[in-house]
Amino acid sequence: MTGTTTQAGSRFGLSVALVTPFTADAAIDHERLVSHAEWCLGHGCDSITLFGTTGEGASIGLAGRQQMLGALAGHGIAARDVVAGVAAASLHETVEQARLALDFGCKGLLLAPPFYFKGVSDEGLFRWFAKVLETLGPKARDVILYHIPSVTAVGISIGLIDRLRAAFPGVVTGVKDSSGDAANTQALLDRHGDLAILVGDERQLAAAVRNGAQGTICGMANFAPALIRPVAIEGRDDPRVKEIVDMILELPVTPAVKALVAHKLGDPDWLHARPPLEALPEAEARRLGAAFDRIMEARAA
């Protein structure tokens, strides 16, 4: 086990939901990937999370994932500093993605539920997760369940977490709650506070950390890690966080995050997204960058 849980004596901390750089023809840009991963780790992030929602993980196949992990390893980024998102609708592909990450030695898996069929029951979801974990066998470890119903339209209930923990002791080590529902986060802390409860909505992060959450996997760390780290580690409120998140949510989220990375790094090639996502128009990206600068220049309360 990698020490993800409180039981292992360490907090999860701040993990950047790393955006994936693409070229103009939608190929993965490995040079920018490595450079940005190094930048994030060097500016306050405890780990990086690849293939998440912000990283367009559902648009990256097995070969692309292998190449990205290899590029990081080839430049000395330790596997223990990498969480791998797993997002697939089929059992077969889910297991392949998970095996690839575990064989690489990743810190853990951010495991989303199957997202194609809607209105599925907890029983069906339990059988799906159970089949994934049974197929992985002894390799299964450090699983962070990913609750993001706004994207998957399939939630992970507290009762389902109960069942999975009972059936696979020690395998589930965390839950990322990206529901935006503070009451759900609190319910997770009340029922499963021994797990690494992570909060995806940066606006709710400080309060959750003060109540026992272990940190976050978040998109803001791509362009403002110094701002978000005290929020994630100390539970320190900063009004700029809400302003920035509210501004991003008025736009397509992942392209907006990429636009802010492009602004922060002075590199417009970061605007590229892989279809079906589209880059923000350059004028809109400039407006977003200027608004971000105005917010960051304001004094924190």
Protein backbone atom coordinates (compact mmCIF):
# COMPACT_ATOMS: atom_id res chain seq x y z
CA MET A 1 0.00 0.00 0.00
CA THR A 2 1.20 3.50 -0.75
CA GLY A 3 0.16 5.45 2.31
CA THR A 4 -2.87 7.15 0.78
CA THR A 5 -5.03 6.73 3.88
CA THR A 6 -4.99 8.27 7.29
CA GLN A 7 -4.44 4.77 8.64
CA ALA A 8 -1.05 4.80 6.91
CA GLY A 9 -0.15 7.99 8.74
CA SER A 10 -0.20 10.60 5.99
CA ARG A 11 -2.69 12.93 4.41
CA PHE A 12 -3.47 12.83 0.72
CA GLY A 13 -2.88 16.56 0.26
CA LEU A 14 -3.01 18.46 -3.03
CA SER A 15 -3.10 16.60 -6.33
CA VAL A 16 -3.43 18.49 -9.58
CA ALA A 17 -6.04 17.15 -11.99
CA LEU A 18 -3.51 17.59 -14.75
CA VAL A 19 -4.75 18.97 -18.04
CA THR A 20 -3.55 17.01 -21.07
CA PRO A 21 -1.74 19.05 -23.73
CA PHE A 22 -2.65 18.31 -27.33
CA THR A 23 -1.24 19.51 -30.62
CA ALA A 24 -3.39 21.27 -33.20
CA ASP A 25 -4.21 17.87 -34.75
CA ALA A 26 -5.24 16.38 -31.36
CA ALA A 27 -2.11 14.31 -30.73
CA ILE A 28 -0.76 14.19 -27.18
CA ASP A 29 2.05 16.67 -26.64
CA HIS A 30 4.44 14.73 -24.42
CA GLU A 31 6.99 17.50 -24.06
CA ARG A 32 4.43 19.91 -22.64
CA LEU A 33 2.94 17.13 -20.51
CA VAL A 34 6.24 16.47 -18.76
CA SER A 35 7.07 20.14 -18.39
CA HIS A 36 3.70 20.94 -16.84
CA ALA A 37 3.80 17.95 -14.49
CA GLU A 38 7.23 19.07 -13.28
CA TRP A 39 5.98 22.63 -12.86
CA CYS A 40 2.98 21.55 -10.78
CA LEU A 41 5.07 19.29 -8.55
CA GLY A 42 7.60 22.07 -8.13
CA HIS A 43 4.98 24.67 -7.17
CA GLY A 44 3.21 22.96 -4.30
CA CYS A 45 1.39 19.88 -5.59
CA ASP A 46 1.96 16.63 -3.71
CA SER A 47 1.01 14.50 -6.70
CA ILE A 48 -0.46 14.65 -10.16
CA THR A 49 -3.60 12.93 -11.34
CA LEU A 50 -3.64 11.90 -14.99
CA PHE A 51 -6.65 10.97 -17.12
CA GLY A 52 -9.24 12.68 -14.93
CA THR A 53 -12.14 14.80 -16.10
CA THR A 54 -9.98 17.92 -16.44
CA GLY A 55 -7.37 15.77 -18.19
CA GLU A 56 -9.90 14.61 -20.81
CA GLY A 57 -9.23 11.05 -19.66
CA ALA A 58 -12.30 9.57 -21.31
CA SER A 59 -10.83 10.69 -24.65
CA ILE A 60 -7.48 8.97 -24.10
CA GLY A 61 -7.15 5.32 -25.05
CA LEU A 62 -4.86 2.65 -23.68
CA ALA A 63 -1.95 3.39 -26.04
CA GLY A 64 -2.05 7.09 -25.24
CA ARG A 65 -2.12 6.37 -21.53
CA GLN A 66 0.89 4.08 -21.82
CA GLN A 67 2.80 6.73 -23.75
CA MET A 68 1.97 9.45 -21.21
CA LEU A 69 3.03 7.32 -18.25
CA GLY A 70 6.20 6.38 -20.09
CA ALA A 71 7.00 10.01 -20.86
CA LEU A 72 6.72 10.93 -17.18
CA ALA A 73 8.84 7.97 -16.09
CA GLY A 74 11.42 8.77 -18.73
CA HIS A 75 11.91 12.21 -17.19
CA GLY A 76 12.24 10.99 -13.62
CA ILE A 77 8.71 11.60 -12.33
CA ALA A 78 8.14 8.87 -9.77
CA ALA A 79 5.14 6.59 -10.11
CA ARG A 80 4.38 7.19 -6.43
CA ASP A 81 3.57 10.79 -7.40
CA VAL A 82 0.98 9.80 -10.02
CA VAL A 83 -2.68 8.95 -9.49
CA ALA A 84 -4.31 7.46 -12.58
CA GLY A 85 -7.89 8.14 -13.53
CA VAL A 86 -9.85 5.17 -14.87
CA ALA A 87 -12.89 6.03 -16.97
CA ALA A 88 -14.57 3.48 -19.21
CA ALA A 89 -18.00 2.05 -19.76
CA SER A 90 -16.91 -1.55 -20.32
CA LEU A 91 -15.49 -3.89 -17.72
CA HIS A 92 -12.76 -5.02 -20.10
CA GLU A 93 -11.42 -1.55 -20.82
CA THR A 94 -11.72 -0.51 -17.18
CA VAL A 95 -9.58 -3.44 -16.10
CA GLU A 96 -7.01 -2.75 -18.84
CA GLN A 97 -6.69 0.90 -17.80
CA ALA A 98 -6.37 -0.08 -14.14
CA ARG A 99 -3.79 -2.79 -14.81
CA LEU A 100 -1.67 -0.42 -16.86
CA ALA A 101 -1.59 2.10 -14.02
CA LEU A 102 -0.97 -0.46 -11.30
CA ASP A 103 1.80 -2.16 -13.27
CA PHE A 104 3.40 1.26 -13.69
CA GLY A 105 3.34 1.58 -9.90
CA CYS A 106 0.94 4.50 -9.62
CA LYS A 107 0.06 5.88 -6.22
CA GLY A 108 -3.56 4.90 -6.75
CA LEU A 109 -6.55 4.73 -9.06
CA LEU A 110 -9.29 7.33 -9.40
CA LEU A 111 -12.03 4.93 -10.42
CA ALA A 112 -15.20 6.34 -12.00
CA PRO A 113 -18.40 4.31 -12.38
CA PRO A 114 -19.54 3.11 -15.82
CA PHE A 115 -21.12 6.15 -17.43
CA TYR A 116 -23.07 5.05 -20.51
CA PHE A 117 -26.17 3.43 -19.04
CA LYS A 118 -28.26 5.71 -16.84
CA GLY A 119 -30.69 4.91 -14.05
CA VAL A 120 -28.71 1.87 -12.92
CA SER A 121 -29.17 0.49 -9.41
CA ASP A 122 -26.68 0.22 -6.58
CA GLU A 123 -26.88 -3.55 -7.02
CA GLY A 124 -25.81 -3.25 -10.64
CA LEU A 125 -23.03 -0.84 -9.73
CA PHE A 126 -21.82 -3.08 -6.92
CA ARG A 127 -21.61 -6.03 -9.30
CA TRP A 128 -19.70 -3.89 -11.83
CA PHE A 129 -17.15 -2.60 -9.32
CA ALA A 130 -16.87 -6.04 -7.75
CA LYS A 131 -16.11 -7.63 -11.10
CA VAL A 132 -13.43 -5.02 -11.80
CA LEU A 133 -11.74 -5.59 -8.45
CA GLU A 134 -12.08 -9.37 -8.60
CA THR A 135 -10.51 -9.41 -12.06
CA LEU A 136 -7.60 -7.27 -10.85
CA GLY A 137 -7.18 -9.73 -8.00
CA PRO A 138 -4.20 -9.17 -5.68
CA LYS A 139 -3.11 -6.16 -7.74
CA ALA A 140 -6.19 -4.19 -6.66
CA ARG A 141 -5.15 -1.45 -4.25
CA ASP A 142 -5.46 2.24 -3.39
CA VAL A 143 -8.78 2.79 -5.13
CA ILE A 144 -10.30 6.26 -4.85
CA LEU A 145 -13.95 6.07 -5.87
CA TYR A 146 -14.89 8.99 -8.11
CA HIS A 147 -18.30 10.53 -7.47
CA ILE A 148 -19.00 13.09 -10.20
CA PRO A 149 -22.66 12.66 -11.18
CA SER A 150 -22.76 15.89 -13.20
CA VAL A 151 -20.48 14.15 -15.73
CA THR A 152 -21.19 10.45 -15.37
CA ALA A 153 -24.90 10.80 -14.47
CA VAL A 154 -24.16 7.79 -12.24
CA GLY A 155 -23.62 8.44 -8.56
CA ILE A 156 -21.73 6.49 -5.92
CA SER A 157 -23.87 6.23 -2.81
CA ILE A 158 -22.67 5.86 0.74
CA GLY A 159 -24.41 2.48 0.87
CA LEU A 160 -22.47 1.31 -2.18
CA ILE A 161 -19.22 2.39 -0.52
CA ASP A 162 -20.24 0.40 2.57
CA ARG A 163 -20.69 -2.74 0.48
CA LEU A 164 -17.47 -2.35 -1.47
CA ARG A 165 -15.43 -1.80 1.67
CA ALA A 166 -16.96 -4.87 3.30
CA ALA A 167 -16.37 -7.04 0.22
CA PHE A 168 -12.84 -5.77 -0.52
CA PRO A 169 -11.22 -4.81 2.80
CA GLY A 170 -8.42 -2.27 2.46
CA VAL A 171 -8.79 -1.83 -1.30
CA VAL A 172 -10.92 1.32 -1.27
CA THR A 173 -8.78 4.00 0.35
CA GLY A 174 -10.59 7.18 -0.64
CA VAL A 175 -13.52 8.93 -2.26
CA LYS A 176 -13.35 12.01 -4.46
CA ASP A 177 -16.58 13.93 -4.07
CA SER A 178 -17.09 16.19 -7.07
CA SER A 179 -20.84 16.45 -6.57
CA GLY A 180 -20.66 20.04 -5.36
CA ASP A 181 -22.96 18.96 -2.53
CA ALA A 182 -21.50 19.90 0.85
CA ALA A 183 -24.05 17.75 2.65
CA ASN A 184 -22.87 14.70 0.73
CA THR A 185 -19.26 15.45 1.61
CA GLN A 186 -20.19 15.74 5.27
CA ALA A 187 -22.09 12.46 5.10
CA LEU A 188 -18.99 10.81 3.66
CA LEU A 189 -16.86 12.24 6.45
CA ASP A 190 -19.34 11.05 9.07
CA ARG A 191 -19.59 7.53 7.67
CA HIS A 192 -16.17 6.98 6.07
CA GLY A 193 -13.93 9.51 7.74
CA ASP A 194 -11.12 6.96 7.98
CA LEU A 195 -10.81 7.15 4.19
CA ALA A 196 -9.17 9.94 2.24
CA ILE A 197 -12.24 12.06 1.52
CA LEU A 198 -11.27 14.47 -1.26
CA VAL A 199 -13.27 17.46 -2.46
CA GLY A 200 -13.37 18.38 -6.14
CA ASP A 201 -15.23 21.69 -5.81
CA GLU A 202 -12.57 24.14 -4.62
CA ARG A 203 -15.24 26.48 -3.24
CA GLN A 204 -16.16 23.88 -0.61
CA LEU A 205 -12.65 22.63 0.05
CA ALA A 206 -11.59 24.75 3.03
CA ALA A 207 -14.65 23.93 5.12
CA ALA A 208 -14.38 20.24 4.28
CA VAL A 209 -10.70 20.13 5.23
CA ARG A 210 -11.51 21.74 8.58
CA ASN A 211 -14.07 18.97 9.08
CA GLY A 212 -11.62 16.18 8.28
CA ALA A 213 -11.26 15.94 4.50
CA GLN A 214 -7.74 14.99 3.42
CA GLY A 215 -7.35 17.32 0.48
CA THR A 216 -8.28 17.49 -3.16
CA ILE A 217 -7.70 16.46 -6.74
CA CYS A 218 -8.53 19.70 -8.52
CA GLY A 219 -8.16 21.65 -11.71
CA MET A 220 -7.20 24.96 -10.11
CA ALA A 221 -3.80 23.54 -9.15
CA ASN A 222 -2.92 23.63 -12.87
CA PHE A 223 -2.62 27.41 -12.82
CA ALA A 224 -2.77 28.55 -9.17
CA PRO A 225 -1.16 25.91 -6.94
CA ALA A 226 0.18 28.47 -4.48
CA LEU A 227 -3.34 29.84 -4.01
CA ILE A 228 -5.06 26.50 -3.52
CA ARG A 229 -2.45 24.73 -1.37
CA PRO A 230 -3.29 26.48 1.94
CA VAL A 231 -6.96 25.80 1.24
CA ALA A 232 -6.29 22.09 0.65
CA ILE A 233 -3.78 21.55 3.44
CA GLU A 234 -4.82 23.96 6.19
CA GLY A 235 -8.49 24.55 5.40
CA ARG A 236 -7.74 28.25 5.00
CA ASP A 237 -10.50 30.24 3.32
CA ASP A 238 -9.55 32.53 0.45
CA PRO A 239 -12.35 34.51 -1.28
CA ARG A 240 -10.44 34.50 -4.55
CA VAL A 241 -11.07 30.77 -4.92
CA LYS A 242 -14.83 31.21 -5.18
CA GLU A 243 -14.47 34.09 -7.63
CA ILE A 244 -12.21 32.08 -9.90
CA VAL A 245 -14.32 28.93 -9.81
CA ASP A 246 -17.54 30.86 -10.43
CA MET A 247 -15.88 32.51 -13.42
CA ILE A 248 -14.72 29.18 -14.85
CA LEU A 249 -18.14 27.60 -14.43
CA GLU A 250 -19.65 30.22 -16.73
CA LEU A 251 -17.61 28.62 -19.54
CA PRO A 252 -16.88 25.08 -20.77
CA VAL A 253 -14.82 24.01 -17.78
CA THR A 254 -11.89 22.06 -19.20
CA PRO A 255 -11.24 24.49 -22.08
CA ALA A 256 -11.39 27.33 -19.54
CA VAL A 257 -8.82 25.63 -17.30
CA LYS A 258 -6.60 25.12 -20.33
CA ALA A 259 -6.98 28.79 -21.24
CA LEU A 260 -5.78 29.77 -17.77
CA VAL A 261 -2.81 27.42 -18.08
CA ALA A 262 -2.01 29.02 -21.44
CA HIS A 263 -2.28 32.45 -19.79
CA LYS A 264 -0.17 31.49 -16.79
CA LEU A 265 2.58 29.93 -18.88
CA GLY A 266 2.37 32.39 -21.76
CA ASP A 267 1.88 29.48 -24.17
CA PRO A 268 -1.20 29.60 -26.45
CA ASP A 269 -0.66 26.02 -27.60
CA TRP A 270 -2.22 24.96 -24.30
CA LEU A 271 -5.59 26.05 -25.67
CA HIS A 272 -5.91 22.92 -27.82
CA ALA A 273 -8.50 20.36 -26.74
CA ARG A 274 -9.29 16.94 -28.15
CA PRO A 275 -12.68 16.63 -29.89
CA PRO A 276 -15.48 16.64 -28.96
CA LEU A 277 -14.21 19.47 -26.73
CA GLU A 278 -13.26 22.73 -28.39
CA ALA A 279 -10.73 25.37 -27.41
CA LEU A 280 -11.98 28.68 -26.11
CA PRO A 281 -11.83 31.36 -28.77
CA GLU A 282 -8.67 33.41 -28.32
CA ALA A 283 -10.54 36.62 -27.48
CA GLU A 284 -12.53 34.84 -24.78
CA ALA A 285 -9.36 33.24 -23.43
CA ARG A 286 -7.74 36.68 -23.20
CA ARG A 287 -10.72 38.06 -21.29
CA LEU A 288 -10.59 35.12 -18.91
CA GLY A 289 -6.87 35.62 -18.31
CA ALA A 290 -7.33 39.33 -17.63
CA ALA A 291 -10.16 38.62 -15.18
CA PHE A 292 -8.00 36.03 -13.43
CA ASP A 293 -5.20 38.57 -13.04
CA ARG A 294 -7.58 41.09 -11.50
CA ILE A 295 -8.78 38.53 -8.97
CA MET A 296 -5.30 37.39 -8.07
CA GLU A 297 -4.15 40.94 -7.50
CA ALA A 298 -6.85 41.47 -4.88
CA ARG A 299 -5.84 40.96 -1.28
CA ALA A 300 -7.09 37.75 0.35
CA ALA A 301 -9.49 38.40 3.19
